[in-house]
Each structure stands twice: as structure tokens, then as C-alpha cells.
Amino acid sequence: KTTYLAALDKLGNRYYIKQKWKASAMVYREILSLTGDVEDAVEYAHRLFESITQGKLYKRGERDVAALIRVLRRRYYNAALSAKKRRKLFKQFEKYTRFIATKLQDVANERKDEDIYLRAAAAYKSYLTFFGKAAKASDVRANLAEVLYSAKRYMEAARYYELAAKGQSGKTQKESVYTAVVAYFEALKLKGKRRLSHLDVVQARAGLRRAGKVYIRLFP
């Protein structure tokens, strides 16, 4: 494994220097899947992010967000890491993962592709596992709700719109609460294979009432 990693390191560096972004991204993905809590993993993560952004390689961004979160989780909780470095890591990786997830949503919006919408949802969910209390978390929950709605996952979208609204105010909050109401209503209209189970119908009706009451209370 050590010899294999050393070979990958040289190969990745070669592609990186030559700006062969697709190839370097593939190599750094492989390296990150094999490395543990080592300082070099952070540098590999930086290079992976640069390769992705320079090459505009966002189509499987959910995998890259998950990989970056794994690197961060291992390093962030290392007892030997100073508070300053921990804050820096948090800030850098928050931007990296949110950027990739947002770009993946852009791809989904361009192609109107259900599968890509669901990949974007997975990317946002990975982000929230670590950055659920970050300053941009409400924005990410709203984006997550949006991609789920676009993928016709109305029940789940409605729940995330409600969660997003709790961290919002003004017009943005109003739009989120209103769209939660609409999403619950759309969920109740589903037919065929996507028709709600009896339990989901009960939950959707309860959610519809709850979101409706919030909307009336906040925006009479």
C-alpha cells in the first residue's frame, strides 16, 4: 500500500503540474480513498479541489464532497491540531464542499436531470453532516430542498424547506415556508409508483397544516 501510494503521489503531481485536471482529479480521489489521518491528506484534498474547479469536473460532485468531508473529519478532531489550524480547516473545507455542491446543482438545473438533482441532494446532505451549524447552513438547506423538489421528492423537500425557514427571515423565509406548503400539497397529489403510503399521507397532511399555520402566523 505504501509503495502504491508513493507511485500515486508522483503520478498525481505529474498530472497536476501539467494541468491535466481530469487525470489529476482521478489520482487524488484514489489517494484520498486510501489515506488516513495524515497531514498530507489535507494537501491532497486541496489539489483535488483545484483539479475539480480548474477542470469544471462537477458531474459526480457528491463523491468529492463526501471525500473532502472524510478528510476534514479525520484531521479536525486530531488532538495535536492547534485551534488556529482547526478554524482554518473548517473555513477552507466549508467553502470547498459548498462550492462543489452548488456547482453540481447548476449542472442539474442545466440538464433538468432527476439523477443529477439527487446527486446534488447527496452532496448537500454530506455538507450538512459536518457544517450543519455553519453560517451558510440555512442557505444549503434551502438549496437541498430545491433540488429535492426538482427531483419530485416533495415530502423530503418540504421538510428541508421548513428547516431552512427556521434560520431565515423576511422574504426568503416567506418563500421557504410557502414552498413547504406547496411541496406537501404536491406530495399528496402523487400517483402511481410515487403515491404516498398511508403513513406518509398522514405526515404530509400534518406537515401541510403545520407549515400553513406558520405561514399565517408569520405573514398575516
C-alpha atoms as a PDB file:
ATOM      1  CA  LYS A   1       0.000   0.000   0.000  1.00  0.00           C
ATOM      2  CA  THR A   2       2.836   2.417   0.883  1.00  0.00           C
ATOM      3  CA  THR A   3       4.571   1.757  -2.453  1.00  0.00           C
ATOM      4  CA  TYR A   4       1.275   2.171  -4.304  1.00  0.00           C
ATOM      5  CA  LEU A   5       0.588   5.492  -2.553  1.00  0.00           C
ATOM      6  CA  ALA A   6       4.087   6.731  -3.352  1.00  0.00           C
ATOM      7  CA  ALA A   7       3.537   5.904  -7.025  1.00  0.00           C
ATOM      8  CA  LEU A   8       0.158   7.647  -6.995  1.00  0.00           C
ATOM      9  CA  ASP A   9       1.701  10.689  -5.341  1.00  0.00           C
ATOM     10  CA  LYS A  10       4.262  11.031  -8.146  1.00  0.00           C
ATOM     11  CA  LEU A  11       1.645  10.409 -10.815  1.00  0.00           C
ATOM     12  CA  GLY A  12      -0.758  12.941  -9.325  1.00  0.00           C
ATOM     13  CA  ASN A  13       1.971  15.537  -9.042  1.00  0.00           C
ATOM     14  CA  ARG A  14       2.912  14.998 -12.696  1.00  0.00           C
ATOM     15  CA  TYR A  15      -0.664  15.467 -13.913  1.00  0.00           C
ATOM     16  CA  TYR A  16      -1.149  18.432 -11.573  1.00  0.00           C
ATOM     17  CA  ILE A  17       1.948  20.251 -12.874  1.00  0.00           C
ATOM     18  CA  LYS A  18       0.906  19.587 -16.476  1.00  0.00           C
ATOM     19  CA  GLN A  19      -2.611  20.822 -15.620  1.00  0.00           C
ATOM     20  CA  LYS A  20      -4.247  17.623 -16.786  1.00  0.00           C
ATOM     21  CA  TRP A  21      -7.124  18.214 -14.424  1.00  0.00           C
ATOM     22  CA  LYS A  22      -9.302  15.206 -15.138  1.00  0.00           C
ATOM     23  CA  ALA A  23      -6.398  12.809 -14.683  1.00  0.00           C
ATOM     24  CA  SER A  24      -5.080  14.551 -11.563  1.00  0.00           C
ATOM     25  CA  ALA A  25      -8.563  14.538 -10.027  1.00  0.00           C
ATOM     26  CA  MET A  26      -8.833  10.783 -10.592  1.00  0.00           C
ATOM     27  CA  VAL A  27      -5.478  10.191  -8.930  1.00  0.00           C
ATOM     28  CA  TYR A  28      -6.180  12.396  -5.899  1.00  0.00           C
ATOM     29  CA  ARG A  29      -9.590  10.756  -5.425  1.00  0.00           C
ATOM     30  CA  GLU A  30      -7.845   7.399  -5.282  1.00  0.00           C
ATOM     31  CA  ILE A  31      -5.200   8.688  -2.868  1.00  0.00           C
ATOM     32  CA  LEU A  32      -7.820  10.139  -0.521  1.00  0.00           C
ATOM     33  CA  SER A  33      -9.713   6.852  -0.505  1.00  0.00           C
ATOM     34  CA  LEU A  34      -6.572   5.168   0.861  1.00  0.00           C
ATOM     35  CA  THR A  35      -5.068   7.722   3.242  1.00  0.00           C
ATOM     36  CA  GLY A  36      -5.948   8.038   6.909  1.00  0.00           C
ATOM     37  CA  ASP A  37      -5.348  10.855   9.363  1.00  0.00           C
ATOM     38  CA  VAL A  38      -2.158  12.235   7.839  1.00  0.00           C
ATOM     39  CA  GLU A  39      -1.248  15.850   7.233  1.00  0.00           C
ATOM     40  CA  ASP A  40      -0.580  15.125   3.553  1.00  0.00           C
ATOM     41  CA  ALA A  41      -4.271  14.246   3.128  1.00  0.00           C
ATOM     42  CA  VAL A  42      -5.146  17.924   3.503  1.00  0.00           C
ATOM     43  CA  GLU A  43      -2.758  18.886   0.698  1.00  0.00           C
ATOM     44  CA  TYR A  44      -4.191  16.122  -1.486  1.00  0.00           C
ATOM     45  CA  ALA A  45      -7.662  17.489  -0.746  1.00  0.00           C
ATOM     46  CA  HIS A  46      -6.567  20.982  -1.782  1.00  0.00           C
ATOM     47  CA  ARG A  47      -5.214  19.582  -5.037  1.00  0.00           C
ATOM     48  CA  LEU A  48      -8.369  17.604  -5.654  1.00  0.00           C
ATOM     49  CA  PHE A  49     -10.459  20.746  -5.211  1.00  0.00           C
ATOM     50  CA  GLU A  50      -8.227  22.718  -7.577  1.00  0.00           C
ATOM     51  CA  SER A  51      -8.360  19.935 -10.162  1.00  0.00           C
ATOM     52  CA  ILE A  52     -12.164  19.823  -9.940  1.00  0.00           C
ATOM     53  CA  THR A  53     -12.612  23.573 -10.267  1.00  0.00           C
ATOM     54  CA  GLN A  54      -9.988  24.118 -12.964  1.00  0.00           C
ATOM     55  CA  GLY A  55     -11.354  21.214 -14.996  1.00  0.00           C
ATOM     56  CA  LYS A  56     -15.007  22.009 -14.185  1.00  0.00           C
ATOM     57  CA  LEU A  57     -15.474  18.388 -13.123  1.00  0.00           C
ATOM     58  CA  TYR A  58     -18.691  18.685 -11.146  1.00  0.00           C
ATOM     59  CA  LYS A  59     -20.867  15.864 -12.503  1.00  0.00           C
ATOM     60  CA  ARG A  60     -20.020  13.462  -9.647  1.00  0.00           C
ATOM     61  CA  GLY A  61     -19.580  16.165  -7.064  1.00  0.00           C
ATOM     62  CA  GLU A  62     -21.419  14.193  -4.385  1.00  0.00           C
ATOM     63  CA  ARG A  63     -18.492  11.762  -4.211  1.00  0.00           C
ATOM     64  CA  ASP A  64     -15.973  14.580  -3.969  1.00  0.00           C
ATOM     65  CA  VAL A  65     -17.890  16.391  -1.231  1.00  0.00           C
ATOM     66  CA  ALA A  66     -18.105  13.151   0.750  1.00  0.00           C
ATOM     67  CA  ALA A  67     -14.358  12.551   0.276  1.00  0.00           C
ATOM     68  CA  LEU A  68     -13.467  16.066   1.434  1.00  0.00           C
ATOM     69  CA  ILE A  69     -15.728  15.731   4.477  1.00  0.00           C
ATOM     70  CA  ARG A  70     -13.974  12.475   5.398  1.00  0.00           C
ATOM     71  CA  VAL A  71     -10.569  14.180   5.215  1.00  0.00           C
ATOM     72  CA  LEU A  72     -11.799  17.084   7.318  1.00  0.00           C
ATOM     73  CA  ARG A  73     -13.420  14.855   9.918  1.00  0.00           C
ATOM     74  CA  ARG A  74     -10.212  12.911  10.434  1.00  0.00           C
ATOM     75  CA  ARG A  75      -7.964  15.976  10.692  1.00  0.00           C
ATOM     76  CA  TYR A  76     -10.315  18.336  12.507  1.00  0.00           C
ATOM     77  CA  TYR A  77     -10.584  16.111  15.566  1.00  0.00           C
ATOM     78  CA  ASN A  78      -6.865  15.381  15.783  1.00  0.00           C
ATOM     79  CA  ALA A  79      -5.828  16.428  19.290  1.00  0.00           C
ATOM     80  CA  ALA A  80      -2.443  17.650  18.040  1.00  0.00           C
ATOM     81  CA  LEU A  81      -4.054  20.253  15.770  1.00  0.00           C
ATOM     82  CA  SER A  82      -3.960  23.827  17.064  1.00  0.00           C
ATOM     83  CA  ALA A  83      -7.171  25.836  17.417  1.00  0.00           C
ATOM     84  CA  LYS A  84      -5.964  28.242  14.715  1.00  0.00           C
ATOM     85  CA  LYS A  85      -5.349  25.443  12.202  1.00  0.00           C
ATOM     86  CA  ARG A  86      -8.666  23.862  13.132  1.00  0.00           C
ATOM     87  CA  ARG A  87     -10.520  27.112  12.351  1.00  0.00           C
ATOM     88  CA  LYS A  88      -8.626  27.468   9.069  1.00  0.00           C
ATOM     89  CA  LEU A  89      -9.505  23.920   8.036  1.00  0.00           C
ATOM     90  CA  PHE A  90     -13.155  24.485   8.876  1.00  0.00           C
ATOM     91  CA  LYS A  91     -13.312  27.670   6.826  1.00  0.00           C
ATOM     92  CA  GLN A  92     -11.491  26.219   3.794  1.00  0.00           C
ATOM     93  CA  PHE A  93     -13.399  22.960   3.613  1.00  0.00           C
ATOM     94  CA  GLU A  94     -16.735  24.663   4.222  1.00  0.00           C
ATOM     95  CA  LYS A  95     -16.129  26.756   1.113  1.00  0.00           C
ATOM     96  CA  TYR A  96     -14.796  23.814  -0.901  1.00  0.00           C
ATOM     97  CA  THR A  97     -17.708  21.489  -0.218  1.00  0.00           C
ATOM     98  CA  ARG A  98     -20.419  24.137  -0.568  1.00  0.00           C
ATOM     99  CA  PHE A  99     -18.906  25.331  -3.859  1.00  0.00           C
ATOM    100  CA  ILE A 100     -18.811  21.849  -5.383  1.00  0.00           C
ATOM    101  CA  ALA A 101     -22.353  21.036  -4.250  1.00  0.00           C
ATOM    102  CA  THR A 102     -23.656  24.316  -5.680  1.00  0.00           C
ATOM    103  CA  LYS A 103     -21.906  23.714  -8.999  1.00  0.00           C
ATOM    104  CA  LEU A 104     -23.425  20.240  -9.145  1.00  0.00           C
ATOM    105  CA  GLN A 105     -26.848  21.819  -8.645  1.00  0.00           C
ATOM    106  CA  ASP A 106     -26.063  24.165 -11.541  1.00  0.00           C
ATOM    107  CA  VAL A 107     -25.339  21.129 -13.734  1.00  0.00           C
ATOM    108  CA  ALA A 108     -28.644  19.577 -12.664  1.00  0.00           C
ATOM    109  CA  ASN A 109     -30.518  22.789 -13.479  1.00  0.00           C
ATOM    110  CA  GLU A 110     -28.892  22.975 -16.906  1.00  0.00           C
ATOM    111  CA  ARG A 111     -29.763  19.391 -17.804  1.00  0.00           C
ATOM    112  CA  LYS A 112     -33.050  19.084 -15.886  1.00  0.00           C
ATOM    113  CA  ASP A 113     -31.865  15.622 -14.905  1.00  0.00           C
ATOM    114  CA  GLU A 114     -33.501  13.871 -11.951  1.00  0.00           C
ATOM    115  CA  ASP A 115     -30.474  11.693 -11.226  1.00  0.00           C
ATOM    116  CA  ILE A 116     -28.163  14.718 -11.074  1.00  0.00           C
ATOM    117  CA  TYR A 117     -30.619  16.540  -8.816  1.00  0.00           C
ATOM    118  CA  LEU A 118     -30.417  13.587  -6.439  1.00  0.00           C
ATOM    119  CA  ARG A 119     -26.610  13.644  -6.596  1.00  0.00           C
ATOM    120  CA  ALA A 120     -26.708  17.326  -5.677  1.00  0.00           C
ATOM    121  CA  ALA A 121     -29.013  16.431  -2.780  1.00  0.00           C
ATOM    122  CA  ALA A 122     -26.484  13.832  -1.612  1.00  0.00           C
ATOM    123  CA  ALA A 123     -23.698  16.431  -1.806  1.00  0.00           C
ATOM    124  CA  TYR A 124     -25.670  18.923   0.276  1.00  0.00           C
ATOM    125  CA  LYS A 125     -26.515  16.232   2.828  1.00  0.00           C
ATOM    126  CA  SER A 126     -22.812  15.368   3.157  1.00  0.00           C
ATOM    127  CA  TYR A 127     -22.065  19.054   3.719  1.00  0.00           C
ATOM    128  CA  LEU A 128     -24.666  19.271   6.481  1.00  0.00           C
ATOM    129  CA  THR A 129     -23.242  16.277   8.358  1.00  0.00           C
ATOM    130  CA  PHE A 130     -20.297  18.475   9.304  1.00  0.00           C
ATOM    131  CA  PHE A 131     -21.414  22.050   8.663  1.00  0.00           C
ATOM    132  CA  GLY A 132     -24.963  21.866   9.973  1.00  0.00           C
ATOM    133  CA  LYS A 133     -24.340  24.852  12.265  1.00  0.00           C
ATOM    134  CA  ALA A 134     -22.215  26.900   9.850  1.00  0.00           C
ATOM    135  CA  ALA A 135     -23.308  30.397   8.839  1.00  0.00           C
ATOM    136  CA  LYS A 136     -24.378  29.177   5.394  1.00  0.00           C
ATOM    137  CA  ALA A 137     -26.223  26.080   6.623  1.00  0.00           C
ATOM    138  CA  SER A 138     -29.681  27.608   6.148  1.00  0.00           C
ATOM    139  CA  ASP A 139     -28.810  28.511   2.560  1.00  0.00           C
ATOM    140  CA  VAL A 140     -27.627  24.966   1.958  1.00  0.00           C
ATOM    141  CA  ARG A 141     -30.817  23.510   3.431  1.00  0.00           C
ATOM    142  CA  ALA A 142     -32.815  25.752   1.097  1.00  0.00           C
ATOM    143  CA  ASN A 143     -30.725  24.548  -1.858  1.00  0.00           C
ATOM    144  CA  LEU A 144     -31.201  20.957  -0.724  1.00  0.00           C
ATOM    145  CA  ALA A 145     -34.951  21.493  -0.541  1.00  0.00           C
ATOM    146  CA  GLU A 146     -34.877  22.987  -4.028  1.00  0.00           C
ATOM    147  CA  VAL A 147     -33.075  20.051  -5.654  1.00  0.00           C
ATOM    148  CA  LEU A 148     -35.326  17.555  -3.885  1.00  0.00           C
ATOM    149  CA  TYR A 149     -38.379  19.463  -5.124  1.00  0.00           C
ATOM    150  CA  SER A 150     -36.960  19.450  -8.662  1.00  0.00           C
ATOM    151  CA  ALA A 151     -36.476  15.679  -8.334  1.00  0.00           C
ATOM    152  CA  LYS A 152     -40.134  15.398  -7.241  1.00  0.00           C
ATOM    153  CA  ARG A 153     -39.144  14.220  -3.759  1.00  0.00           C
ATOM    154  CA  TYR A 154     -41.789  16.521  -2.360  1.00  0.00           C
ATOM    155  CA  MET A 155     -42.088  15.184   1.190  1.00  0.00           C
ATOM    156  CA  GLU A 156     -38.400  15.441   1.900  1.00  0.00           C
ATOM    157  CA  ALA A 157     -38.207  18.798   0.117  1.00  0.00           C
ATOM    158  CA  ALA A 158     -40.984  20.188   2.308  1.00  0.00           C
ATOM    159  CA  ARG A 159     -39.168  19.151   5.480  1.00  0.00           C
ATOM    160  CA  TYR A 160     -35.968  20.845   4.390  1.00  0.00           C
ATOM    161  CA  TYR A 161     -37.851  23.998   3.399  1.00  0.00           C
ATOM    162  CA  GLU A 162     -39.242  24.071   6.936  1.00  0.00           C
ATOM    163  CA  LEU A 163     -35.786  23.579   8.426  1.00  0.00           C
ATOM    164  CA  ALA A 164     -34.295  26.258   6.181  1.00  0.00           C
ATOM    165  CA  ALA A 165     -37.019  28.738   7.170  1.00  0.00           C
ATOM    166  CA  LYS A 166     -36.035  28.472  10.834  1.00  0.00           C
ATOM    167  CA  GLY A 167     -32.692  30.106  10.030  1.00  0.00           C
ATOM    168  CA  GLN A 168     -34.089  32.705   7.649  1.00  0.00           C
ATOM    169  CA  SER A 169     -36.018  35.958   7.862  1.00  0.00           C
ATOM    170  CA  GLY A 170     -38.054  38.303   5.695  1.00  0.00           C
ATOM    171  CA  LYS A 171     -38.792  37.490   2.071  1.00  0.00           C
ATOM    172  CA  THR A 172     -36.501  34.451   1.983  1.00  0.00           C
ATOM    173  CA  GLN A 173     -38.237  32.897   4.970  1.00  0.00           C
ATOM    174  CA  LYS A 174     -41.627  33.654   3.480  1.00  0.00           C
ATOM    175  CA  GLU A 175     -40.683  31.883   0.242  1.00  0.00           C
ATOM    176  CA  SER A 176     -39.373  28.834   2.100  1.00  0.00           C
ATOM    177  CA  VAL A 177     -42.464  28.423   4.276  1.00  0.00           C
ATOM    178  CA  TYR A 178     -44.764  28.937   1.297  1.00  0.00           C
ATOM    179  CA  THR A 179     -42.848  26.401  -0.801  1.00  0.00           C
ATOM    180  CA  ALA A 180     -43.025  23.909   2.071  1.00  0.00           C
ATOM    181  CA  VAL A 181     -46.823  24.238   1.925  1.00  0.00           C
ATOM    182  CA  VAL A 182     -46.769  23.724  -1.851  1.00  0.00           C
ATOM    183  CA  ALA A 183     -44.416  20.735  -1.565  1.00  0.00           C
ATOM    184  CA  TYR A 184     -46.614  18.971   0.984  1.00  0.00           C
ATOM    185  CA  PHE A 185     -49.602  19.580  -1.274  1.00  0.00           C
ATOM    186  CA  GLU A 186     -47.727  18.212  -4.300  1.00  0.00           C
ATOM    187  CA  ALA A 187     -46.727  15.138  -2.270  1.00  0.00           C
ATOM    188  CA  LEU A 188     -50.391  14.394  -1.548  1.00  0.00           C
ATOM    189  CA  LYS A 189     -51.157  14.533  -5.279  1.00  0.00           C
ATOM    190  CA  LEU A 190     -48.586  11.900  -6.276  1.00  0.00           C
ATOM    191  CA  LYS A 191     -49.884   8.913  -8.222  1.00  0.00           C
ATOM    192  CA  GLY A 192     -48.595   5.541  -9.377  1.00  0.00           C
ATOM    193  CA  LYS A 193     -45.265   4.277  -8.050  1.00  0.00           C
ATOM    194  CA  ARG A 194     -44.650   7.519  -6.184  1.00  0.00           C
ATOM    195  CA  ARG A 195     -48.003   7.553  -4.451  1.00  0.00           C
ATOM    196  CA  LEU A 196     -47.556   8.104  -0.715  1.00  0.00           C
ATOM    197  CA  SER A 197     -48.020   5.319   1.798  1.00  0.00           C
ATOM    198  CA  HIS A 198     -50.782   5.711   4.382  1.00  0.00           C
ATOM    199  CA  LEU A 199     -48.212   6.850   6.966  1.00  0.00           C
ATOM    200  CA  ASP A 200     -46.710   9.371   4.549  1.00  0.00           C
ATOM    201  CA  VAL A 201     -50.179  10.731   3.763  1.00  0.00           C
ATOM    202  CA  VAL A 202     -50.775  11.298   7.470  1.00  0.00           C
ATOM    203  CA  GLN A 203     -47.378  13.002   7.830  1.00  0.00           C
ATOM    204  CA  ALA A 204     -47.881  15.120   4.709  1.00  0.00           C
ATOM    205  CA  ARG A 205     -51.269  16.341   5.936  1.00  0.00           C
ATOM    206  CA  ALA A 206     -49.776  17.165   9.323  1.00  0.00           C
ATOM    207  CA  GLY A 207     -46.891  18.966   7.634  1.00  0.00           C
ATOM    208  CA  LEU A 208     -49.285  20.892   5.412  1.00  0.00           C
ATOM    209  CA  ARG A 209     -51.245  22.090   8.443  1.00  0.00           C
ATOM    210  CA  ARG A 210     -48.078  22.923  10.364  1.00  0.00           C
ATOM    211  CA  ALA A 211     -46.443  24.893   7.560  1.00  0.00           C
ATOM    212  CA  GLY A 212     -49.721  26.636   6.788  1.00  0.00           C
ATOM    213  CA  LYS A 213     -50.104  27.762  10.379  1.00  0.00           C
ATOM    214  CA  VAL A 214     -46.528  29.075  10.420  1.00  0.00           C
ATOM    215  CA  TYR A 215     -47.125  30.989   7.213  1.00  0.00           C
ATOM    216  CA  ILE A 216     -50.300  32.607   8.540  1.00  0.00           C
ATOM    217  CA  ARG A 217     -48.646  33.442  11.869  1.00  0.00           C
ATOM    218  CA  LEU A 218     -45.516  34.972  10.362  1.00  0.00           C
ATOM    219  CA  PHE A 219     -47.082  36.601   7.325  1.00  0.00           C
ATOM    220  CA  PRO A 220     -50.716  37.508   8.170  1.00  0.00           C
END
